[in-house]
């Protein structure tokens, strides 16, 4: 009789460890996915903050040109889509939309670009604080 109690106890203990392994493994996968999404959000926000700082750093007489703007490093790997600006509160001709795709969400930053061969950057809008030129 002692052998049957030991066999039942070891099967129950093994099953408990399997359940624990599945639960903690699932939690670990969710944690990794959440961290990847957080990293994507952080890359989008850091890039948009750097772009806004560059726009603010220029004096009112001197505008930030597209050639200078393109030298600012972009964090992560966003997709870039350019299109006509349509009606907007700026003198922008095109909008460059940078999109960082995360696991759960996508984060977009819109850059309003003026007209010309080396156009000026009108505004940067996206994750974090949006700026409006006055």
N, C-alpha and C. Protein backbone atom coordinates (compact mmCIF):
# COMPACT_ATOMS: atom_id res chain seq x y z
N UNK A 1 0.80 -1.19 0.00
CA UNK A 1 0.00 0.00 0.00
C UNK A 1 0.84 1.26 0.00
N UNK A 2 1.98 1.23 0.55
CA UNK A 2 2.84 2.40 0.60
C UNK A 2 3.26 2.83 -0.80
N UNK A 3 3.43 1.88 -1.70
CA UNK A 3 3.86 2.19 -3.05
C UNK A 3 2.78 2.96 -3.81
N UNK A 4 1.53 2.64 -3.64
CA UNK A 4 0.46 3.33 -4.35
C UNK A 4 0.32 4.78 -3.90
N UNK A 5 0.52 5.06 -2.62
CA UNK A 5 0.46 6.43 -2.13
C UNK A 5 1.62 7.25 -2.69
N UNK A 6 2.79 6.66 -2.79
CA UNK A 6 3.95 7.36 -3.33
C UNK A 6 3.74 7.62 -4.82
N UNK A 7 3.19 6.69 -5.54
CA UNK A 7 2.96 6.86 -6.98
C UNK A 7 1.93 7.96 -7.22
N UNK A 8 0.86 8.00 -6.43
CA UNK A 8 -0.14 9.05 -6.59
C UNK A 8 0.44 10.42 -6.24
N UNK A 9 1.24 10.48 -5.19
CA UNK A 9 1.84 11.76 -4.78
C UNK A 9 2.81 12.25 -5.84
N UNK A 10 3.59 11.40 -6.45
CA UNK A 10 4.55 11.85 -7.45
C UNK A 10 3.85 12.29 -8.74
N UNK A 11 2.74 11.63 -9.13
CA UNK A 11 1.98 12.06 -10.30
C UNK A 11 1.35 13.42 -10.06
N UNK A 12 0.83 13.65 -8.86
CA UNK A 12 0.23 14.93 -8.52
C UNK A 12 1.28 16.04 -8.49
N UNK A 13 2.45 15.74 -7.93
CA UNK A 13 3.52 16.74 -7.87
C UNK A 13 4.01 17.07 -9.28
N UNK A 14 4.12 16.07 -10.13
CA UNK A 14 4.56 16.31 -11.51
C UNK A 14 3.55 17.17 -12.25
N UNK A 15 2.28 16.87 -12.07
CA UNK A 15 1.23 17.65 -12.71
C UNK A 15 1.24 19.09 -12.20
N UNK A 16 1.47 19.31 -10.92
CA UNK A 16 1.55 20.66 -10.35
C UNK A 16 2.72 21.44 -10.96
N UNK A 17 3.85 20.79 -11.15
CA UNK A 17 5.01 21.46 -11.74
C UNK A 17 4.76 21.79 -13.22
N UNK A 18 4.05 20.93 -13.90
CA UNK A 18 3.71 21.21 -15.30
C UNK A 18 2.79 22.42 -15.38
N UNK A 19 1.79 22.47 -14.53
CA UNK A 19 0.86 23.61 -14.50
C UNK A 19 1.61 24.89 -14.17
N UNK A 20 2.49 24.84 -13.18
CA UNK A 20 3.28 26.02 -12.82
C UNK A 20 4.16 26.46 -13.98
N UNK A 21 4.77 25.49 -14.66
CA UNK A 21 5.64 25.82 -15.80
C UNK A 21 4.87 26.49 -16.92
N UNK A 22 3.66 25.98 -17.20
CA UNK A 22 2.84 26.58 -18.26
C UNK A 22 2.40 28.00 -17.86
N UNK A 23 1.98 28.17 -16.63
CA UNK A 23 1.53 29.49 -16.18
C UNK A 23 2.69 30.49 -16.20
N UNK A 24 3.83 30.13 -15.62
CA UNK A 24 4.96 31.06 -15.59
C UNK A 24 5.55 31.27 -16.98
N UNK A 25 5.51 30.25 -17.83
CA UNK A 25 5.97 30.42 -19.21
C UNK A 25 5.07 31.39 -19.96
N UNK A 26 3.75 31.27 -19.77
CA UNK A 26 2.82 32.21 -20.40
C UNK A 26 3.03 33.63 -19.91
N UNK A 27 3.24 33.78 -18.61
CA UNK A 27 3.51 35.11 -18.06
C UNK A 27 4.82 35.69 -18.61
N UNK A 28 5.82 34.84 -18.77
CA UNK A 28 7.10 35.30 -19.32
C UNK A 28 6.94 35.77 -20.76
N UNK A 29 6.15 35.04 -21.55
CA UNK A 29 5.91 35.44 -22.94
C UNK A 29 5.17 36.77 -22.98
N UNK A 30 4.15 36.96 -22.14
CA UNK A 30 3.43 38.23 -22.09
C UNK A 30 4.34 39.38 -21.66
N UNK A 31 5.23 39.12 -20.72
CA UNK A 31 6.17 40.14 -20.27
C UNK A 31 7.11 40.55 -21.40
N UNK A 32 7.62 39.58 -22.15
CA UNK A 32 8.51 39.89 -23.27
C UNK A 32 7.77 40.69 -24.33
N UNK A 33 6.54 40.31 -24.65
CA UNK A 33 5.75 41.05 -25.63
C UNK A 33 5.48 42.49 -25.17
N UNK A 34 5.17 42.65 -23.90
CA UNK A 34 4.93 43.99 -23.36
C UNK A 34 6.21 44.83 -23.39
N UNK A 35 7.35 44.23 -23.10
CA UNK A 35 8.62 44.96 -23.16
C UNK A 35 8.97 45.36 -24.58
N UNK A 36 8.69 44.51 -25.56
CA UNK A 36 8.93 44.85 -26.95
C UNK A 36 8.05 46.02 -27.39
N UNK A 37 6.79 46.01 -26.97
CA UNK A 37 5.89 47.11 -27.30
C UNK A 37 6.33 48.40 -26.62
N UNK A 38 6.79 48.30 -25.38
CA UNK A 38 7.28 49.47 -24.66
C UNK A 38 8.52 50.04 -25.34
N UNK A 39 9.39 49.16 -25.83
CA UNK A 39 10.59 49.60 -26.53
C UNK A 39 10.22 50.34 -27.82
N UNK A 40 9.21 49.87 -28.52
CA UNK A 40 8.75 50.52 -29.74
C UNK A 40 8.20 51.91 -29.41
N UNK A 41 7.39 52.00 -28.36
CA UNK A 41 6.84 53.29 -27.96
C UNK A 41 7.94 54.26 -27.55
N UNK A 42 8.92 53.75 -26.84
CA UNK A 42 10.02 54.58 -26.39
C UNK A 42 10.84 55.10 -27.57
N UNK A 43 11.07 54.27 -28.58
CA UNK A 43 11.81 54.69 -29.77
C UNK A 43 11.06 55.79 -30.50
N UNK A 44 9.75 55.63 -30.65
CA UNK A 44 8.94 56.65 -31.33
C UNK A 44 8.95 57.95 -30.54
N UNK A 45 8.80 57.87 -29.26
CA UNK A 45 8.75 59.08 -28.44
C UNK A 45 10.10 59.77 -28.39
N UNK A 46 11.18 59.02 -28.28
CA UNK A 46 12.51 59.62 -28.23
C UNK A 46 12.84 60.31 -29.55
N UNK A 47 12.46 59.68 -30.66
CA UNK A 47 12.72 60.29 -31.96
C UNK A 47 11.91 61.58 -32.13
N UNK A 48 10.63 61.54 -31.77
CA UNK A 48 9.81 62.75 -31.92
C UNK A 48 10.29 63.85 -30.98
N UNK A 49 10.76 63.49 -29.78
CA UNK A 49 11.29 64.50 -28.86
C UNK A 49 12.56 65.14 -29.43
N UNK A 50 13.42 64.34 -30.05
CA UNK A 50 14.64 64.88 -30.65
C UNK A 50 14.31 65.80 -31.81
N UNK A 51 13.32 65.42 -32.61
CA UNK A 51 12.91 66.27 -33.73
C UNK A 51 12.32 67.58 -33.23
N UNK A 52 11.48 67.52 -32.20
CA UNK A 52 10.89 68.75 -31.65
C UNK A 52 11.96 69.66 -31.08
N UNK A 53 12.95 69.06 -30.40
CA UNK A 53 14.04 69.86 -29.83
C UNK A 53 14.82 70.55 -30.94
N UNK A 54 15.03 69.88 -32.06
CA UNK A 54 15.74 70.50 -33.19
C UNK A 54 14.93 71.65 -33.78
N UNK A 55 13.61 71.48 -33.86
CA UNK A 55 12.75 72.55 -34.38
C UNK A 55 12.78 73.75 -33.43
N UNK A 56 12.73 73.50 -32.13
CA UNK A 56 12.75 74.59 -31.14
C UNK A 56 14.10 75.27 -31.06
N UNK A 57 15.19 74.53 -31.35
CA UNK A 57 16.53 75.08 -31.21
C UNK A 57 16.82 76.16 -32.23
N UNK A 58 16.15 76.11 -33.35
CA UNK A 58 16.36 77.13 -34.37
C UNK A 58 15.70 78.43 -33.93
N UNK A 59 16.33 79.55 -34.30
CA UNK A 59 15.73 80.84 -33.96
C UNK A 59 14.54 81.08 -34.89
N UNK A 60 13.78 82.10 -34.60
CA UNK A 60 12.59 82.39 -35.39
C UNK A 60 12.94 82.85 -36.80
N UNK A 61 14.12 83.43 -36.99
CA UNK A 61 14.54 83.89 -38.31
C UNK A 61 15.07 82.74 -39.18
N UNK A 62 15.60 81.71 -38.55
CA UNK A 62 16.20 80.60 -39.29
C UNK A 62 15.35 79.36 -39.07
N UNK A 63 14.90 78.77 -40.14
CA UNK A 63 14.06 77.58 -40.05
C UNK A 63 14.90 76.31 -40.18
N UNK A 64 14.41 75.22 -39.65
CA UNK A 64 15.06 73.92 -39.79
C UNK A 64 14.74 73.38 -41.17
N UNK A 65 15.78 73.14 -41.97
CA UNK A 65 15.61 72.64 -43.32
C UNK A 65 15.59 71.12 -43.34
N UNK A 66 14.99 70.57 -44.37
CA UNK A 66 14.84 69.11 -44.51
C UNK A 66 16.21 68.42 -44.53
N UNK A 67 17.20 69.04 -45.18
CA UNK A 67 18.54 68.44 -45.26
C UNK A 67 19.17 68.30 -43.86
N UNK A 68 18.94 69.29 -42.99
CA UNK A 68 19.43 69.23 -41.61
C UNK A 68 18.60 68.25 -40.79
N UNK A 69 17.32 68.24 -41.04
CA UNK A 69 16.39 67.38 -40.30
C UNK A 69 16.71 65.90 -40.55
N UNK A 70 17.09 65.56 -41.78
CA UNK A 70 17.39 64.17 -42.12
C UNK A 70 18.64 63.65 -41.42
N UNK A 71 19.48 64.55 -40.89
CA UNK A 71 20.70 64.13 -40.19
C UNK A 71 20.42 63.70 -38.75
N UNK A 72 19.26 64.02 -38.23
CA UNK A 72 18.90 63.64 -36.86
C UNK A 72 18.62 62.15 -36.85
N UNK A 73 19.29 61.39 -35.96
CA UNK A 73 19.11 59.93 -35.97
C UNK A 73 17.69 59.51 -35.57
N UNK A 74 17.22 58.47 -36.24
CA UNK A 74 15.91 57.89 -35.96
C UNK A 74 16.12 56.60 -35.18
N UNK A 75 15.43 56.46 -34.07
CA UNK A 75 15.55 55.24 -33.27
C UNK A 75 14.54 54.22 -33.77
N UNK A 76 14.93 52.97 -33.78
CA UNK A 76 14.03 51.91 -34.22
C UNK A 76 13.97 51.85 -35.74
N UNK A 77 12.95 51.18 -36.24
CA UNK A 77 12.78 51.00 -37.68
C UNK A 77 11.37 51.39 -38.09
N UNK A 78 11.11 52.67 -38.23
CA UNK A 78 9.77 53.09 -38.62
C UNK A 78 9.55 52.95 -40.12
N UNK A 79 8.29 52.86 -40.50
CA UNK A 79 7.92 52.91 -41.91
C UNK A 79 7.63 54.37 -42.23
N UNK A 80 8.07 54.81 -43.42
CA UNK A 80 7.86 56.19 -43.82
C UNK A 80 6.87 56.23 -44.98
N UNK A 81 5.84 57.06 -44.81
CA UNK A 81 4.87 57.29 -45.88
C UNK A 81 4.78 58.80 -46.08
N UNK A 82 5.01 59.25 -47.32
CA UNK A 82 4.91 60.67 -47.65
C UNK A 82 3.68 60.88 -48.50
N UNK A 83 3.02 61.99 -48.27
CA UNK A 83 1.83 62.31 -49.05
C UNK A 83 1.55 63.79 -49.00
N UNK A 84 0.60 64.24 -49.81
CA UNK A 84 0.24 65.66 -49.80
C UNK A 84 -0.39 66.04 -48.46
N UNK A 85 -0.12 67.25 -48.04
CA UNK A 85 -0.59 67.71 -46.73
C UNK A 85 -2.07 68.04 -46.72
N UNK A 86 -2.62 68.46 -47.83
CA UNK A 86 -4.02 68.87 -47.83
C UNK A 86 -4.18 70.13 -47.00
N UNK A 87 -5.36 70.32 -46.44
CA UNK A 87 -5.61 71.50 -45.61
C UNK A 87 -4.96 71.30 -44.25
N UNK A 88 -4.12 72.25 -43.83
CA UNK A 88 -3.47 72.17 -42.53
C UNK A 88 -3.19 73.57 -42.02
N UNK A 89 -2.94 73.73 -40.72
CA UNK A 89 -2.73 75.07 -40.16
C UNK A 89 -1.35 75.65 -40.48
N UNK A 90 -0.53 74.90 -41.20
CA UNK A 90 0.82 75.33 -41.53
C UNK A 90 0.90 75.60 -43.03
N UNK A 91 2.04 76.04 -43.50
CA UNK A 91 2.25 76.24 -44.93
C UNK A 91 2.83 74.96 -45.54
N UNK A 92 2.53 73.84 -44.95
CA UNK A 92 3.13 72.57 -45.37
C UNK A 92 2.54 72.07 -46.68
N UNK A 93 3.40 71.51 -47.51
CA UNK A 93 2.98 70.92 -48.78
C UNK A 93 2.83 69.41 -48.66
N UNK A 94 3.71 68.79 -47.85
CA UNK A 94 3.66 67.34 -47.69
C UNK A 94 3.70 66.97 -46.21
N UNK A 95 3.24 65.77 -45.94
CA UNK A 95 3.33 65.21 -44.60
C UNK A 95 4.10 63.91 -44.70
N UNK A 96 5.17 63.82 -43.92
CA UNK A 96 5.90 62.56 -43.79
C UNK A 96 5.40 61.90 -42.52
N UNK A 97 4.85 60.71 -42.66
CA UNK A 97 4.34 59.98 -41.50
C UNK A 97 5.25 58.80 -41.22
N UNK A 98 5.88 58.83 -40.05
CA UNK A 98 6.73 57.75 -39.60
C UNK A 98 5.91 56.89 -38.65
N UNK A 99 5.87 55.57 -38.90
CA UNK A 99 5.06 54.68 -38.07
C UNK A 99 5.93 53.55 -37.52
N UNK A 100 5.97 53.49 -36.20
CA UNK A 100 6.64 52.39 -35.51
C UNK A 100 5.55 51.39 -35.14
N UNK A 101 5.68 50.15 -35.59
CA UNK A 101 4.66 49.13 -35.34
C UNK A 101 5.11 48.25 -34.18
N UNK A 102 4.34 48.28 -33.11
CA UNK A 102 4.62 47.44 -31.96
C UNK A 102 3.77 46.18 -31.99
N UNK A 103 3.84 45.40 -30.95
CA UNK A 103 3.08 44.17 -30.85
C UNK A 103 1.59 44.47 -30.68
N UNK A 104 1.27 45.41 -29.80
CA UNK A 104 -0.12 45.72 -29.49
C UNK A 104 -0.63 46.99 -30.15
N UNK A 105 0.26 47.97 -30.39
CA UNK A 105 -0.15 49.26 -30.93
C UNK A 105 0.86 49.74 -31.96
N UNK A 106 0.46 50.75 -32.70
CA UNK A 106 1.36 51.44 -33.63
C UNK A 106 1.48 52.88 -33.16
N UNK A 107 2.67 53.45 -33.32
CA UNK A 107 2.94 54.81 -32.88
C UNK A 107 3.37 55.62 -34.10
N UNK A 108 2.70 56.73 -34.35
CA UNK A 108 2.96 57.54 -35.54
C UNK A 108 3.43 58.93 -35.16
N UNK A 109 4.34 59.44 -35.98
CA UNK A 109 4.82 60.81 -35.87
C UNK A 109 4.64 61.45 -37.23
N UNK A 110 3.95 62.60 -37.25
CA UNK A 110 3.72 63.32 -38.50
C UNK A 110 4.64 64.53 -38.55
N UNK A 111 5.33 64.67 -39.67
CA UNK A 111 6.24 65.78 -39.89
C UNK A 111 5.69 66.60 -41.05
N UNK A 112 5.34 67.85 -40.79
CA UNK A 112 4.82 68.75 -41.82
C UNK A 112 5.99 69.44 -42.50
N UNK A 113 6.10 69.24 -43.82
CA UNK A 113 7.23 69.75 -44.59
C UNK A 113 6.72 70.79 -45.59
N UNK A 114 7.45 71.91 -45.69
CA UNK A 114 7.07 72.99 -46.59
C UNK A 114 7.41 72.69 -48.03
N UNK A 115 7.40 73.70 -48.87
CA UNK A 115 7.67 73.55 -50.29
C UNK A 115 9.08 74.01 -50.62
N UNK A 116 9.59 73.57 -51.78
CA UNK A 116 10.89 74.00 -52.27
C UNK A 116 11.83 72.83 -52.47
N UNK A 117 13.05 73.18 -52.92
CA UNK A 117 14.04 72.11 -53.16
C UNK A 117 14.60 71.59 -51.85
N UNK A 118 14.83 72.45 -50.89
CA UNK A 118 15.24 72.05 -49.54
C UNK A 118 14.23 72.66 -48.58
N UNK A 119 13.05 72.05 -48.45
CA UNK A 119 11.96 72.67 -47.70
C UNK A 119 12.25 72.75 -46.21
N UNK A 120 11.51 73.63 -45.57
CA UNK A 120 11.64 73.76 -44.12
C UNK A 120 10.65 72.84 -43.41
N UNK A 121 10.98 72.49 -42.20
CA UNK A 121 10.11 71.66 -41.36
C UNK A 121 9.18 72.61 -40.62
N UNK A 122 7.89 72.43 -40.82
CA UNK A 122 6.89 73.31 -40.21
C UNK A 122 6.54 72.88 -38.79
N UNK A 123 6.31 71.58 -38.60
CA UNK A 123 5.86 71.09 -37.30
C UNK A 123 6.09 69.60 -37.20
N UNK A 124 6.18 69.11 -35.96
CA UNK A 124 6.30 67.68 -35.68
C UNK A 124 5.20 67.34 -34.69
N UNK A 125 4.39 66.35 -35.05
CA UNK A 125 3.30 65.92 -34.15
C UNK A 125 3.36 64.41 -34.00
N UNK A 126 3.17 63.95 -32.79
CA UNK A 126 3.18 62.51 -32.56
C UNK A 126 3.15 62.18 -31.09
N UNK A 127 3.69 61.02 -30.74
CA UNK A 127 3.67 60.62 -29.33
C UNK A 127 4.33 61.66 -28.45
N UNK A 128 3.76 61.89 -27.32
CA UNK A 128 4.31 62.89 -26.42
C UNK A 128 3.64 64.24 -26.65
N UNK A 129 4.37 65.29 -26.39
CA UNK A 129 3.86 66.65 -26.48
C UNK A 129 3.82 67.11 -27.93
N UNK A 130 2.68 67.56 -28.41
CA UNK A 130 2.56 68.11 -29.76
C UNK A 130 2.88 69.59 -29.72
N UNK A 131 3.59 70.05 -30.76
CA UNK A 131 3.92 71.47 -30.82
C UNK A 131 3.10 72.13 -31.90
N UNK A 132 2.78 73.37 -31.70
CA UNK A 132 2.08 74.17 -32.71
C UNK A 132 2.86 75.46 -32.86
N UNK A 133 3.24 75.73 -34.09
CA UNK A 133 3.94 76.98 -34.34
C UNK A 133 2.95 78.13 -34.27
N UNK A 134 3.34 79.19 -33.65
CA UNK A 134 2.44 80.34 -33.51
C UNK A 134 2.84 81.46 -34.42
